[in-house]
C-alpha atoms as a PDB file:
ATOM      1  CA  MET A   1     223.081 -73.616 118.151  1.00  0.00           C
ATOM      2  CA  ILE A   2     226.079 -74.073 120.266  1.00  0.00           C
ATOM      3  CA  ILE A   3     226.879 -70.850 122.446  1.00  0.00           C
ATOM      4  CA  ALA A   4     230.231 -70.618 124.173  1.00  0.00           C
ATOM      5  CA  THR A   5     232.026 -67.727 126.022  1.00  0.00           C
ATOM      6  CA  SER A   6     235.336 -69.337 125.018  1.00  0.00           C
ATOM      7  CA  GLU A   7     236.921 -68.804 121.750  1.00  0.00           C
ATOM      8  CA  SER A   8     236.850 -72.396 120.670  1.00  0.00           C
ATOM      9  CA  ILE A   9     234.380 -75.481 121.393  1.00  0.00           C
ATOM     10  CA  ALA A  10     235.774 -78.706 122.604  1.00  0.00           C
ATOM     11  CA  GLY A  11     235.390 -81.519 120.111  1.00  0.00           C
ATOM     12  CA  LYS A  12     234.656 -78.985 117.138  1.00  0.00           C
ATOM     13  CA  ARG A  13     236.787 -77.519 114.654  1.00  0.00           C
ATOM     14  CA  ILE A  14     235.847 -73.939 113.319  1.00  0.00           C
ATOM     15  CA  SER A  15     235.541 -74.238 109.633  1.00  0.00           C
ATOM     16  CA  ALA A  16     234.299 -70.601 108.941  1.00  0.00           C
ATOM     17  CA  VAL A  17     234.134 -67.510 110.707  1.00  0.00           C
ATOM     18  CA  LEU A  18     231.029 -65.422 109.658  1.00  0.00           C
ATOM     19  CA  GLY A  19     231.247 -62.304 111.526  1.00  0.00           C
ATOM     20  CA  MET A  20     230.096 -60.550 114.720  1.00  0.00           C
ATOM     21  CA  VAL A  21     226.562 -61.010 115.764  1.00  0.00           C
ATOM     22  CA  ARG A  22     224.543 -59.263 118.489  1.00  0.00           C
ATOM     23  CA  GLY A  23     221.223 -58.793 119.941  1.00  0.00           C
ATOM     24  CA  ASN A  24     219.916 -56.152 122.499  1.00  0.00           C
ATOM     25  CA  THR A  25     216.869 -54.967 124.131  1.00  0.00           C
ATOM     26  CA  ILE A  26     216.154 -51.894 126.295  1.00  0.00           C
ATOM     27  CA  ARG A  27     213.914 -52.008 129.285  1.00  0.00           C
ATOM     28  CA  ALA A  28     212.409 -49.373 131.529  1.00  0.00           C
ATOM     29  CA  ARG A  29     211.526 -49.784 135.178  1.00  0.00           C
ATOM     30  CA  HIS A  30     207.890 -49.756 136.153  1.00  0.00           C
ATOM     31  CA  ILE A  31     206.874 -46.927 138.583  1.00  0.00           C
ATOM     32  CA  GLY A  32     204.741 -49.423 140.650  1.00  0.00           C
ATOM     33  CA  LYS A  33     207.627 -51.772 140.895  1.00  0.00           C
ATOM     34  CA  ASP A  34     209.976 -48.976 142.031  1.00  0.00           C
ATOM     35  CA  VAL A  35     207.788 -48.293 145.047  1.00  0.00           C
ATOM     36  CA  VAL A  36     208.012 -51.967 146.046  1.00  0.00           C
ATOM     37  CA  ALA A  37     211.723 -52.033 145.330  1.00  0.00           C
ATOM     38  CA  ALA A  38     212.187 -48.928 147.700  1.00  0.00           C
ATOM     39  CA  PHE A  39     210.578 -50.877 150.442  1.00  0.00           C
ATOM     40  CA  LYS A  40     212.650 -53.877 149.862  1.00  0.00           C
ATOM     41  CA  ASN A  41     215.769 -51.820 149.827  1.00  0.00           C
ATOM     42  CA  LEU A  42     215.038 -50.611 153.423  1.00  0.00           C
ATOM     43  CA  ALA A  43     214.408 -54.145 154.702  1.00  0.00           C
ATOM     44  CA  GLY A  44     216.972 -55.835 152.496  1.00  0.00           C
ATOM     45  CA  GLY A  45     216.765 -59.040 150.193  1.00  0.00           C
ATOM     46  CA  GLU A  46     216.408 -59.865 146.743  1.00  0.00           C
ATOM     47  CA  ILE A  47     214.177 -57.570 144.485  1.00  0.00           C
ATOM     48  CA  THR A  48     212.574 -60.456 142.548  1.00  0.00           C
ATOM     49  CA  ASP A  49     210.596 -58.295 140.020  1.00  0.00           C
ATOM     50  CA  TYR A  50     213.874 -56.827 138.803  1.00  0.00           C
ATOM     51  CA  THR A  51     215.638 -60.134 138.876  1.00  0.00           C
ATOM     52  CA  LYS A  52     212.774 -61.439 136.604  1.00  0.00           C
ATOM     53  CA  MET A  53     212.896 -58.551 134.371  1.00  0.00           C
ATOM     54  CA  LEU A  54     216.702 -58.786 133.760  1.00  0.00           C
ATOM     55  CA  ALA A  55     216.604 -62.434 133.128  1.00  0.00           C
ATOM     56  CA  GLU A  56     213.784 -62.044 130.665  1.00  0.00           C
ATOM     57  CA  SER A  57     215.917 -59.179 129.002  1.00  0.00           C
ATOM     58  CA  ARG A  58     219.016 -61.493 128.753  1.00  0.00           C
ATOM     59  CA  GLU A  59     216.858 -64.130 127.075  1.00  0.00           C
ATOM     60  CA  GLN A  60     215.496 -61.736 124.560  1.00  0.00           C
ATOM     61  CA  ALA A  61     218.882 -60.422 123.739  1.00  0.00           C
ATOM     62  CA  LEU A  62     220.293 -64.010 123.218  1.00  0.00           C
ATOM     63  CA  ASP A  63     217.252 -64.911 121.067  1.00  0.00           C
ATOM     64  CA  ARG A  64     217.923 -61.987 118.886  1.00  0.00           C
ATOM     65  CA  MET A  65     221.737 -62.657 118.615  1.00  0.00           C
ATOM     66  CA  ILE A  66     220.898 -66.408 117.764  1.00  0.00           C
ATOM     67  CA  GLU A  67     218.529 -65.044 115.001  1.00  0.00           C
ATOM     68  CA  ASP A  68     221.327 -62.841 113.690  1.00  0.00           C
ATOM     69  CA  ALA A  69     223.597 -65.750 113.475  1.00  0.00           C
ATOM     70  CA  GLU A  70     221.151 -68.152 111.867  1.00  0.00           C
ATOM     71  CA  SER A  71     220.606 -65.599 109.102  1.00  0.00           C
ATOM     72  CA  LEU A  72     224.483 -65.965 108.315  1.00  0.00           C
ATOM     73  CA  GLY A  73     224.190 -69.807 108.358  1.00  0.00           C
ATOM     74  CA  ALA A  74     225.997 -70.251 111.498  1.00  0.00           C
ATOM     75  CA  ASN A  75     225.637 -73.259 113.792  1.00  0.00           C
ATOM     76  CA  ALA A  76     227.690 -71.830 116.617  1.00  0.00           C
ATOM     77  CA  ILE A  77     228.553 -68.639 118.335  1.00  0.00           C
ATOM     78  CA  VAL A  78     231.903 -68.084 120.201  1.00  0.00           C
ATOM     79  CA  ALA A  79     233.454 -65.520 122.216  1.00  0.00           C
ATOM     80  CA  VAL A  80     229.956 -64.324 123.682  1.00  0.00           C
ATOM     81  CA  ARG A  81     229.886 -61.391 125.899  1.00  0.00           C
ATOM     82  CA  PHE A  82     227.167 -59.357 127.879  1.00  0.00           C
ATOM     83  CA  THR A  83     227.101 -55.855 128.472  1.00  0.00           C
ATOM     84  CA  THR A  84     224.734 -53.268 129.953  1.00  0.00           C
ATOM     85  CA  SER A  85     224.621 -49.627 129.841  1.00  0.00           C
ATOM     86  CA  SER A  86     222.120 -46.946 130.963  1.00  0.00           C
ATOM     87  CA  VAL A  87     220.244 -45.326 128.190  1.00  0.00           C
ATOM     88  CA  MET A  88     218.272 -42.777 130.202  1.00  0.00           C
ATOM     89  CA  GLN A  89     217.173 -42.628 133.764  1.00  0.00           C
ATOM     90  CA  GLY A  90     215.129 -45.629 134.632  1.00  0.00           C
ATOM     91  CA  ALA A  91     216.046 -47.499 131.290  1.00  0.00           C
ATOM     92  CA  ALA A  92     218.821 -49.867 130.461  1.00  0.00           C
ATOM     93  CA  GLU A  93     220.140 -51.648 127.590  1.00  0.00           C
ATOM     94  CA  ILE A  94     221.208 -55.244 127.620  1.00  0.00           C
ATOM     95  CA  LEU A  95     223.598 -56.262 124.770  1.00  0.00           C
ATOM     96  CA  VAL A  96     224.984 -59.591 123.974  1.00  0.00           C
ATOM     97  CA  TYR A  97     227.409 -60.180 121.112  1.00  0.00           C
ATOM     98  CA  GLY A  98     229.784 -62.906 119.792  1.00  0.00           C
ATOM     99  CA  THR A  99     231.311 -64.354 116.628  1.00  0.00           C
ATOM    100  CA  ALA A 100     229.211 -66.474 114.381  1.00  0.00           C
ATOM    101  CA  VAL A 101     230.987 -69.524 113.061  1.00  0.00           C
ATOM    102  CA  ARG A 102     230.352 -72.801 111.225  1.00  0.00           C
ATOM    103  CA  CYS A 103     231.920 -75.651 113.137  1.00  0.00           C
ATOM    104  CA  ASP A 104     232.319 -79.379 112.327  1.00  0.00           C
ATOM    105  CA  ASP A 105     233.113 -82.391 114.564  1.00  0.00           C
ATOM    106  CA  GLU A 106     236.804 -83.007 114.937  1.00  0.00           C
END
């Protein structure tokens, strides 16, 4: 599966546009990690537990978007974008979306 943030893919011709696809996940913070994060905030530096959690969330959302595209018969997704929003205090949604297409070599 080719995934691109651009609206086209170099060396490929889009032969069919299959529609919008998306994947999302909602993750909540862990109270124990919040305590560690609070200390890290005082001292400065990267909060690696949150970095890891967000990276895993992005990957899960991408996997779900790819599954959605494959169910439509796509072999590529173009115009991919990420967005995030707060669902409730301590929980955030990561959403990835794009356009599922079928493409061929030029």
